[in-house]
Amino acid sequence: MKNAQKDTGHLRNCTAFEQLVLVCSSIGNRYRPSNPSLALAAISDLSTKASQSVNDVMSALNNYYMAVDQRSKRFGELPKMATRVLSYFRSCGASAASVSNVLAYNRKLQGAQGKTTTEAPAQGAEPVAPAPVRSTSQRSFDQQAQHFLSMVDILVKESSYQPLEEELSVSGLSALHQQLLQSSLAVADAERLLAAARDKRNQLLYAEGTGIASLSAFIRAYIRAAFGQNSHEYQQAKIPVIKKQRT
C-alpha cells in the first residue's frame, strides 16, 4: 500500500516493549525503581494493554473494510436497477415528461462507482483505511441514494407503474433504498470505531510521559543509573528500540 509506511511499526514497538519488560523481570528483586509507573507490575500491565490495542485496531480495520465492501456491493446494484426501472417506466405508458425525469435520474446513477483501492501491506504493517474517490458528477454515496429516492418518488406518482416483478415494485425499490442507507451508516459507524481504536492505541503507545515510548526511555535511564552504563543489565535494556510512529 502506498501510504502503509505512514502507519506501521506499532506491533514492532509493542514487541520491543515486551522484551524490555522481560529484561526488567530477569533482574529480579534488584529492579526497584522509585517511580511507580516503572514498577514491574505496572509495565507488564501496560505491555498487555498496548499489544491488545494494536490487535483491536486491526480488528476494527477489518470491520471497516467489510462495511465498505458491503456498501460498494449495494450501490453497485443501482446503475442496472435504474436502467431496468427506466425501461419498465417507458413500457407502462407514463407521460413523456415523467419519462424524461426518470431518464435524468438514471443518467445521474450511471457511470463509475465511488472507488477504493487497496494493496497488500508490507509484512507487519497496518493498512491505512482507504478513502472513497468520488467524481465531480454527483457521485457521492449520499447523492446516489438521494437520486434513487427521487426516481422512486416519480414512480409512486404514476398510477400506471404496477410491475409484477417484486424487485421493480415501489416496495421493492424502497427496500433497496433502505439497504443503501443502512450500508452507508454501517461504514460511518465502522469508521468511528476505527478512529476510537486508533486513539486508544496511540495513547497507550505514544502519550507523552505515560505511553510505552516514553516509559521505555525512563526504564533505560533507571537501569543505567542503578547498574551502570557498562553493566550487563543496561546492555540488555539497550537492545529493544521503540520508535514513535506517525499517527
C-alpha atoms as a PDB file:
ATOM      1  CA  MET A   1       0.000   0.000   0.000  1.00  0.00           C
ATOM      2  CA  LYS A   2       1.390   3.382  -0.990  1.00  0.00           C
ATOM      3  CA  ASN A   3       0.699   5.029   2.379  1.00  0.00           C
ATOM      4  CA  ALA A   4       1.306   1.992   4.571  1.00  0.00           C
ATOM      5  CA  GLN A   5       4.637   3.321   5.838  1.00  0.00           C
ATOM      6  CA  LYS A   6       2.797   6.230   7.462  1.00  0.00           C
ATOM      7  CA  ASP A   7       1.049   3.863   9.857  1.00  0.00           C
ATOM      8  CA  THR A   8       3.443   0.992  10.535  1.00  0.00           C
ATOM      9  CA  GLY A   9       5.621  -0.335  13.302  1.00  0.00           C
ATOM     10  CA  HIS A  10       3.110  -0.332  16.177  1.00  0.00           C
ATOM     11  CA  LEU A  11       3.252  -4.095  16.647  1.00  0.00           C
ATOM     12  CA  ARG A  12       7.043  -3.976  16.435  1.00  0.00           C
ATOM     13  CA  ASN A  13       7.092  -1.342  19.176  1.00  0.00           C
ATOM     14  CA  CYS A  14       4.857  -3.483  21.397  1.00  0.00           C
ATOM     15  CA  THR A  15       7.178  -6.435  20.886  1.00  0.00           C
ATOM     16  CA  ALA A  16      10.177  -4.272  21.799  1.00  0.00           C
ATOM     17  CA  PHE A  17       8.465  -3.129  24.983  1.00  0.00           C
ATOM     18  CA  GLU A  18       7.629  -6.729  25.877  1.00  0.00           C
ATOM     19  CA  GLN A  19      11.317  -7.558  25.513  1.00  0.00           C
ATOM     20  CA  LEU A  20      12.235  -4.660  27.780  1.00  0.00           C
ATOM     21  CA  VAL A  21       9.737  -5.854  30.385  1.00  0.00           C
ATOM     22  CA  LEU A  22      11.381  -9.300  30.246  1.00  0.00           C
ATOM     23  CA  VAL A  23      14.765  -7.670  30.855  1.00  0.00           C
ATOM     24  CA  CYS A  24      13.369  -5.933  33.938  1.00  0.00           C
ATOM     25  CA  SER A  25      11.822  -9.192  35.122  1.00  0.00           C
ATOM     26  CA  SER A  26      15.126 -11.036  34.686  1.00  0.00           C
ATOM     27  CA  ILE A  27      16.822  -8.535  37.006  1.00  0.00           C
ATOM     28  CA  GLY A  28      14.575  -9.787  39.782  1.00  0.00           C
ATOM     29  CA  ASN A  29      14.297  -8.005  43.120  1.00  0.00           C
ATOM     30  CA  ARG A  30      17.226  -5.781  42.189  1.00  0.00           C
ATOM     31  CA  TYR A  31      14.878  -3.976  39.825  1.00  0.00           C
ATOM     32  CA  ARG A  32      13.277  -1.482  42.211  1.00  0.00           C
ATOM     33  CA  PRO A  33      12.593   1.941  40.647  1.00  0.00           C
ATOM     34  CA  SER A  34      11.011   4.530  42.938  1.00  0.00           C
ATOM     35  CA  ASN A  35       8.710   5.708  40.120  1.00  0.00           C
ATOM     36  CA  PRO A  36       5.544   3.575  40.493  1.00  0.00           C
ATOM     37  CA  SER A  37       4.908   3.825  36.754  1.00  0.00           C
ATOM     38  CA  LEU A  38       8.090   1.810  36.190  1.00  0.00           C
ATOM     39  CA  ALA A  39       7.210  -0.959  38.627  1.00  0.00           C
ATOM     40  CA  LEU A  40       7.292  -4.405  37.061  1.00  0.00           C
ATOM     41  CA  ALA A  41       3.561  -4.987  37.608  1.00  0.00           C
ATOM     42  CA  ALA A  42       2.711  -1.610  36.062  1.00  0.00           C
ATOM     43  CA  ILE A  43       4.811  -2.009  32.929  1.00  0.00           C
ATOM     44  CA  SER A  44       3.678  -5.621  32.479  1.00  0.00           C
ATOM     45  CA  ASP A  45       0.050  -4.473  32.575  1.00  0.00           C
ATOM     46  CA  LEU A  46       0.781  -1.637  30.160  1.00  0.00           C
ATOM     47  CA  SER A  47       2.529  -4.021  27.784  1.00  0.00           C
ATOM     48  CA  THR A  48      -0.530  -6.279  27.703  1.00  0.00           C
ATOM     49  CA  LYS A  49      -2.899  -3.371  27.091  1.00  0.00           C
ATOM     50  CA  ALA A  50      -0.675  -1.874  24.391  1.00  0.00           C
ATOM     51  CA  SER A  51      -0.493  -5.151  22.466  1.00  0.00           C
ATOM     52  CA  GLN A  52      -4.244  -5.605  22.771  1.00  0.00           C
ATOM     53  CA  SER A  53      -4.845  -2.087  21.465  1.00  0.00           C
ATOM     54  CA  VAL A  54      -2.860  -2.871  18.317  1.00  0.00           C
ATOM     55  CA  ASN A  55      -4.931  -6.025  17.793  1.00  0.00           C
ATOM     56  CA  ASP A  56      -8.113  -4.032  18.374  1.00  0.00           C
ATOM     57  CA  VAL A  57      -7.137  -1.575  15.648  1.00  0.00           C
ATOM     58  CA  MET A  58      -6.557  -4.402  13.189  1.00  0.00           C
ATOM     59  CA  SER A  59      -9.940  -5.902  14.068  1.00  0.00           C
ATOM     60  CA  ALA A  60     -11.671  -2.534  13.662  1.00  0.00           C
ATOM     61  CA  LEU A  61      -9.877  -2.011  10.358  1.00  0.00           C
ATOM     62  CA  ASN A  62     -11.090  -5.374   9.062  1.00  0.00           C
ATOM     63  CA  ASN A  63     -14.641  -4.475  10.082  1.00  0.00           C
ATOM     64  CA  TYR A  64     -14.278  -1.172   8.239  1.00  0.00           C
ATOM     65  CA  TYR A  65     -13.129  -2.916   5.063  1.00  0.00           C
ATOM     66  CA  MET A  66     -16.075  -5.327   5.248  1.00  0.00           C
ATOM     67  CA  ALA A  67     -18.532  -2.450   5.694  1.00  0.00           C
ATOM     68  CA  VAL A  68     -17.012  -0.598   2.733  1.00  0.00           C
ATOM     69  CA  ASP A  69     -17.231  -3.769   0.634  1.00  0.00           C
ATOM     70  CA  GLN A  70     -20.898  -4.275   1.536  1.00  0.00           C
ATOM     71  CA  ARG A  71     -21.687  -0.665   0.687  1.00  0.00           C
ATOM     72  CA  SER A  72     -19.940  -0.998  -2.666  1.00  0.00           C
ATOM     73  CA  LYS A  73     -21.974  -4.102  -3.453  1.00  0.00           C
ATOM     74  CA  ARG A  74     -25.245  -2.391  -2.525  1.00  0.00           C
ATOM     75  CA  PHE A  75     -24.547   0.734  -4.529  1.00  0.00           C
ATOM     76  CA  GLY A  76     -23.168  -1.372  -7.357  1.00  0.00           C
ATOM     77  CA  GLU A  77     -26.716  -2.604  -7.956  1.00  0.00           C
ATOM     78  CA  LEU A  78     -28.003   0.890  -8.700  1.00  0.00           C
ATOM     79  CA  PRO A  79     -26.986   1.524 -12.341  1.00  0.00           C
ATOM     80  CA  LYS A  80     -28.511  -1.711 -13.663  1.00  0.00           C
ATOM     81  CA  MET A  81     -31.567  -1.387 -11.458  1.00  0.00           C
ATOM     82  CA  ALA A  82     -32.124   2.208 -12.540  1.00  0.00           C
ATOM     83  CA  THR A  83     -31.934   1.132 -16.193  1.00  0.00           C
ATOM     84  CA  ARG A  84     -34.473  -1.633 -15.589  1.00  0.00           C
ATOM     85  CA  VAL A  85     -36.806   0.825 -13.872  1.00  0.00           C
ATOM     86  CA  LEU A  86     -36.477   3.261 -16.764  1.00  0.00           C
ATOM     87  CA  SER A  87     -37.262   0.535 -19.299  1.00  0.00           C
ATOM     88  CA  TYR A  88     -40.350  -0.577 -17.421  1.00  0.00           C
ATOM     89  CA  PHE A  89     -41.468   3.007 -16.885  1.00  0.00           C
ATOM     90  CA  ARG A  90     -41.306   3.616 -20.618  1.00  0.00           C
ATOM     91  CA  SER A  91     -43.356   0.482 -21.246  1.00  0.00           C
ATOM     92  CA  CYS A  92     -46.164   1.283 -18.826  1.00  0.00           C
ATOM     93  CA  GLY A  93     -47.481   4.321 -20.707  1.00  0.00           C
ATOM     94  CA  ALA A  94     -46.132   7.061 -18.448  1.00  0.00           C
ATOM     95  CA  SER A  95     -46.126  10.607 -19.778  1.00  0.00           C
ATOM     96  CA  ALA A  96     -43.178  11.862 -21.783  1.00  0.00           C
ATOM     97  CA  ALA A  97     -42.406  14.435 -19.089  1.00  0.00           C
ATOM     98  CA  SER A  98     -42.304  11.769 -16.350  1.00  0.00           C
ATOM     99  CA  VAL A  99     -40.153   9.500 -18.508  1.00  0.00           C
ATOM    100  CA  SER A 100     -37.796  12.418 -19.105  1.00  0.00           C
ATOM    101  CA  ASN A 101     -37.481  12.979 -15.345  1.00  0.00           C
ATOM    102  CA  VAL A 102     -36.755   9.311 -14.661  1.00  0.00           C
ATOM    103  CA  LEU A 103     -34.234   9.340 -17.507  1.00  0.00           C
ATOM    104  CA  ALA A 104     -32.482  12.313 -15.923  1.00  0.00           C
ATOM    105  CA  TYR A 105     -32.055  10.455 -12.604  1.00  0.00           C
ATOM    106  CA  ASN A 106     -30.984   7.317 -14.436  1.00  0.00           C
ATOM    107  CA  ARG A 107     -28.192   9.277 -16.110  1.00  0.00           C
ATOM    108  CA  LYS A 108     -27.019  10.529 -12.712  1.00  0.00           C
ATOM    109  CA  LEU A 109     -26.865   6.967 -11.438  1.00  0.00           C
ATOM    110  CA  GLN A 110     -24.770   5.668 -14.334  1.00  0.00           C
ATOM    111  CA  GLY A 111     -21.004   5.807 -14.658  1.00  0.00           C
ATOM    112  CA  ALA A 112     -18.097   4.835 -12.393  1.00  0.00           C
ATOM    113  CA  GLN A 113     -18.914   3.989  -8.809  1.00  0.00           C
ATOM    114  CA  GLY A 114     -17.039   5.517  -5.888  1.00  0.00           C
ATOM    115  CA  LYS A 115     -13.823   3.502  -5.898  1.00  0.00           C
ATOM    116  CA  THR A 116     -11.462   2.292  -3.254  1.00  0.00           C
ATOM    117  CA  THR A 117      -8.108   0.745  -3.956  1.00  0.00           C
ATOM    118  CA  THR A 118      -6.068  -1.428  -1.656  1.00  0.00           C
ATOM    119  CA  GLU A 119      -2.704  -3.085  -1.933  1.00  0.00           C
ATOM    120  CA  ALA A 120      -1.247  -5.759   0.290  1.00  0.00           C
ATOM    121  CA  PRO A 121       0.547  -4.024   3.194  1.00  0.00           C
ATOM    122  CA  ALA A 122       4.146  -4.730   3.982  1.00  0.00           C
ATOM    123  CA  GLN A 123       4.726  -7.524   6.488  1.00  0.00           C
ATOM    124  CA  GLY A 124       3.957  -6.258   9.984  1.00  0.00           C
ATOM    125  CA  ALA A 125       2.433  -3.078   8.609  1.00  0.00           C
ATOM    126  CA  GLU A 126      -1.004  -1.823   9.431  1.00  0.00           C
ATOM    127  CA  PRO A 127      -3.002  -0.953   6.298  1.00  0.00           C
ATOM    128  CA  VAL A 128      -4.361   2.550   6.064  1.00  0.00           C
ATOM    129  CA  ALA A 129      -8.124   2.681   5.656  1.00  0.00           C
ATOM    130  CA  PRO A 130      -8.743   3.911   2.103  1.00  0.00           C
ATOM    131  CA  ALA A 131     -10.994   6.853   1.350  1.00  0.00           C
ATOM    132  CA  PRO A 132     -13.566   6.597  -1.451  1.00  0.00           C
ATOM    133  CA  VAL A 133     -12.605   8.518  -4.593  1.00  0.00           C
ATOM    134  CA  ARG A 134     -15.655  10.496  -5.711  1.00  0.00           C
ATOM    135  CA  SER A 135     -16.096  12.050  -9.143  1.00  0.00           C
ATOM    136  CA  THR A 136     -17.361  15.573  -9.755  1.00  0.00           C
ATOM    137  CA  SER A 137     -20.689  14.445 -11.261  1.00  0.00           C
ATOM    138  CA  GLN A 138     -22.734  13.963  -8.100  1.00  0.00           C
ATOM    139  CA  ARG A 139     -21.284  10.525  -7.449  1.00  0.00           C
ATOM    140  CA  SER A 140     -21.100  10.541  -3.657  1.00  0.00           C
ATOM    141  CA  PHE A 141     -22.945   7.708  -1.981  1.00  0.00           C
ATOM    142  CA  ASP A 142     -25.380  10.073  -0.262  1.00  0.00           C
ATOM    143  CA  GLN A 143     -26.162  11.747  -3.567  1.00  0.00           C
ATOM    144  CA  GLN A 144     -26.664   8.401  -5.286  1.00  0.00           C
ATOM    145  CA  ALA A 145     -29.139   7.359  -2.604  1.00  0.00           C
ATOM    146  CA  GLN A 146     -30.964  10.672  -2.954  1.00  0.00           C
ATOM    147  CA  HIS A 147     -31.151  10.404  -6.752  1.00  0.00           C
ATOM    148  CA  PHE A 148     -32.550   6.892  -6.413  1.00  0.00           C
ATOM    149  CA  LEU A 149     -35.148   8.043  -3.876  1.00  0.00           C
ATOM    150  CA  SER A 150     -36.171  10.872  -6.196  1.00  0.00           C
ATOM    151  CA  MET A 151     -36.609   8.371  -9.012  1.00  0.00           C
ATOM    152  CA  VAL A 152     -38.805   6.175  -6.802  1.00  0.00           C
ATOM    153  CA  ASP A 153     -40.872   9.220  -5.849  1.00  0.00           C
ATOM    154  CA  ILE A 154     -41.735   9.743  -9.521  1.00  0.00           C
ATOM    155  CA  LEU A 155     -42.811   6.107  -9.805  1.00  0.00           C
ATOM    156  CA  VAL A 156     -45.113   6.460  -6.791  1.00  0.00           C
ATOM    157  CA  LYS A 157     -46.983   9.268  -8.511  1.00  0.00           C
ATOM    158  CA  GLU A 158     -47.500   7.301 -11.734  1.00  0.00           C
ATOM    159  CA  SER A 159     -50.560   5.055 -11.344  1.00  0.00           C
ATOM    160  CA  SER A 160     -49.663   3.022 -14.443  1.00  0.00           C
ATOM    161  CA  TYR A 161     -46.413   1.862 -12.844  1.00  0.00           C
ATOM    162  CA  GLN A 162     -47.513  -1.500 -11.415  1.00  0.00           C
ATOM    163  CA  PRO A 163     -44.797  -4.088 -12.175  1.00  0.00           C
ATOM    164  CA  LEU A 164     -45.383  -7.673 -11.124  1.00  0.00           C
ATOM    165  CA  GLU A 165     -41.655  -8.184 -10.612  1.00  0.00           C
ATOM    166  CA  GLU A 166     -41.148  -7.609  -6.862  1.00  0.00           C
ATOM    167  CA  GLU A 167     -37.693  -6.072  -7.205  1.00  0.00           C
ATOM    168  CA  LEU A 168     -39.089  -3.445  -9.595  1.00  0.00           C
ATOM    169  CA  SER A 169     -42.108  -2.617  -7.451  1.00  0.00           C
ATOM    170  CA  VAL A 170     -42.224   0.542  -5.384  1.00  0.00           C
ATOM    171  CA  SER A 171     -41.986  -1.514  -2.182  1.00  0.00           C
ATOM    172  CA  GLY A 172     -39.024  -3.461  -3.540  1.00  0.00           C
ATOM    173  CA  LEU A 173     -37.224  -0.317  -4.637  1.00  0.00           C
ATOM    174  CA  SER A 174     -37.972   1.360  -1.311  1.00  0.00           C
ATOM    175  CA  ALA A 175     -36.473  -1.634   0.485  1.00  0.00           C
ATOM    176  CA  LEU A 176     -33.341  -1.302  -1.693  1.00  0.00           C
ATOM    177  CA  HIS A 177     -33.117   2.374  -0.771  1.00  0.00           C
ATOM    178  CA  GLN A 178     -33.207   1.465   2.930  1.00  0.00           C
ATOM    179  CA  GLN A 179     -30.422  -1.040   2.353  1.00  0.00           C
ATOM    180  CA  LEU A 180     -28.350   1.684   0.715  1.00  0.00           C
ATOM    181  CA  LEU A 181     -28.824   3.966   3.702  1.00  0.00           C
ATOM    182  CA  GLN A 182     -28.022   1.182   6.155  1.00  0.00           C
ATOM    183  CA  SER A 183     -24.828   0.273   4.304  1.00  0.00           C
ATOM    184  CA  SER A 184     -23.665   3.896   4.445  1.00  0.00           C
ATOM    185  CA  LEU A 185     -24.474   4.096   8.155  1.00  0.00           C
ATOM    186  CA  ALA A 186     -22.537   0.872   8.729  1.00  0.00           C
ATOM    187  CA  VAL A 187     -19.447   2.401   7.092  1.00  0.00           C
ATOM    188  CA  ALA A 188     -19.772   5.563   9.176  1.00  0.00           C
ATOM    189  CA  ASP A 189     -20.096   3.508  12.365  1.00  0.00           C
ATOM    190  CA  ALA A 190     -17.135   1.284  11.462  1.00  0.00           C
ATOM    191  CA  GLU A 191     -15.056   4.360  10.691  1.00  0.00           C
ATOM    192  CA  ARG A 192     -15.974   5.878  14.069  1.00  0.00           C
ATOM    193  CA  LEU A 193     -14.988   2.696  15.911  1.00  0.00           C
ATOM    194  CA  LEU A 194     -11.727   2.509  13.962  1.00  0.00           C
ATOM    195  CA  ALA A 195     -10.855   6.092  14.896  1.00  0.00           C
ATOM    196  CA  ALA A 196     -11.606   5.356  18.567  1.00  0.00           C
ATOM    197  CA  ALA A 197      -9.433   2.227  18.497  1.00  0.00           C
ATOM    198  CA  ARG A 198      -6.559   4.162  16.952  1.00  0.00           C
ATOM    199  CA  ASP A 199      -6.885   6.944  19.519  1.00  0.00           C
ATOM    200  CA  LYS A 200      -6.694   4.416  22.356  1.00  0.00           C
ATOM    201  CA  ARG A 201      -3.692   2.705  20.780  1.00  0.00           C
ATOM    202  CA  ASN A 202      -1.893   5.989  20.267  1.00  0.00           C
ATOM    203  CA  GLN A 203      -2.433   6.945  23.892  1.00  0.00           C
ATOM    204  CA  LEU A 204      -1.096   3.641  25.196  1.00  0.00           C
ATOM    205  CA  LEU A 205       1.896   3.652  22.890  1.00  0.00           C
ATOM    206  CA  TYR A 206       2.811   7.290  22.393  1.00  0.00           C
ATOM    207  CA  ALA A 207       1.226   9.533  25.027  1.00  0.00           C
ATOM    208  CA  GLU A 208       3.899  11.799  26.440  1.00  0.00           C
ATOM    209  CA  GLY A 209       5.092  10.522  29.811  1.00  0.00           C
ATOM    210  CA  THR A 210       2.719   7.544  30.017  1.00  0.00           C
ATOM    211  CA  GLY A 211       2.978   5.625  26.737  1.00  0.00           C
ATOM    212  CA  ILE A 212       5.390   2.774  26.141  1.00  0.00           C
ATOM    213  CA  ALA A 213       7.633   5.010  24.033  1.00  0.00           C
ATOM    214  CA  SER A 214       8.221   7.378  26.964  1.00  0.00           C
ATOM    215  CA  LEU A 215       8.372   4.684  29.643  1.00  0.00           C
ATOM    216  CA  SER A 216      10.920   2.652  27.720  1.00  0.00           C
ATOM    217  CA  ALA A 217      13.261   5.657  27.848  1.00  0.00           C
ATOM    218  CA  PHE A 218      12.574   6.099  31.586  1.00  0.00           C
ATOM    219  CA  ILE A 219      13.265   2.400  32.238  1.00  0.00           C
ATOM    220  CA  ARG A 220      16.588   2.538  30.429  1.00  0.00           C
ATOM    221  CA  ALA A 221      17.539   5.686  32.328  1.00  0.00           C
ATOM    222  CA  TYR A 222      16.784   3.966  35.631  1.00  0.00           C
ATOM    223  CA  ILE A 223      18.720   0.807  34.739  1.00  0.00           C
ATOM    224  CA  ARG A 224      21.677   2.880  33.567  1.00  0.00           C
ATOM    225  CA  ALA A 225      21.680   4.787  36.843  1.00  0.00           C
ATOM    226  CA  ALA A 226      21.141   1.725  39.047  1.00  0.00           C
ATOM    227  CA  PHE A 227      23.606  -0.657  37.411  1.00  0.00           C
ATOM    228  CA  GLY A 228      25.965   1.499  35.374  1.00  0.00           C
ATOM    229  CA  GLN A 229      26.412   2.232  31.690  1.00  0.00           C
ATOM    230  CA  ASN A 230      28.672  -0.765  31.092  1.00  0.00           C
ATOM    231  CA  SER A 231      26.601  -3.224  33.104  1.00  0.00           C
ATOM    232  CA  HIS A 232      25.129  -6.363  31.605  1.00  0.00           C
ATOM    233  CA  GLU A 233      21.667  -5.181  32.673  1.00  0.00           C
ATOM    234  CA  TYR A 234      21.966  -1.923  30.783  1.00  0.00           C
ATOM    235  CA  GLN A 235      23.387  -3.575  27.681  1.00  0.00           C
ATOM    236  CA  GLN A 236      20.356  -5.874  27.626  1.00  0.00           C
ATOM    237  CA  ALA A 237      17.985  -2.940  28.100  1.00  0.00           C
ATOM    238  CA  LYS A 238      19.500  -1.146  25.112  1.00  0.00           C
ATOM    239  CA  ILE A 239      18.502  -3.886  22.661  1.00  0.00           C
ATOM    240  CA  PRO A 240      14.805  -3.067  22.155  1.00  0.00           C
ATOM    241  CA  VAL A 241      14.424   0.277  20.410  1.00  0.00           C
ATOM    242  CA  ILE A 242      10.975   1.848  20.312  1.00  0.00           C
ATOM    243  CA  LYS A 243      10.403   4.418  17.605  1.00  0.00           C
ATOM    244  CA  LYS A 244       7.408   6.699  17.733  1.00  0.00           C
ATOM    245  CA  GLN A 245       5.251   6.239  14.650  1.00  0.00           C
ATOM    246  CA  ARG A 246       3.294   8.814  12.683  1.00  0.00           C
ATOM    247  CA  THR A 247      -0.269   8.506  13.945  1.00  0.00           C
END
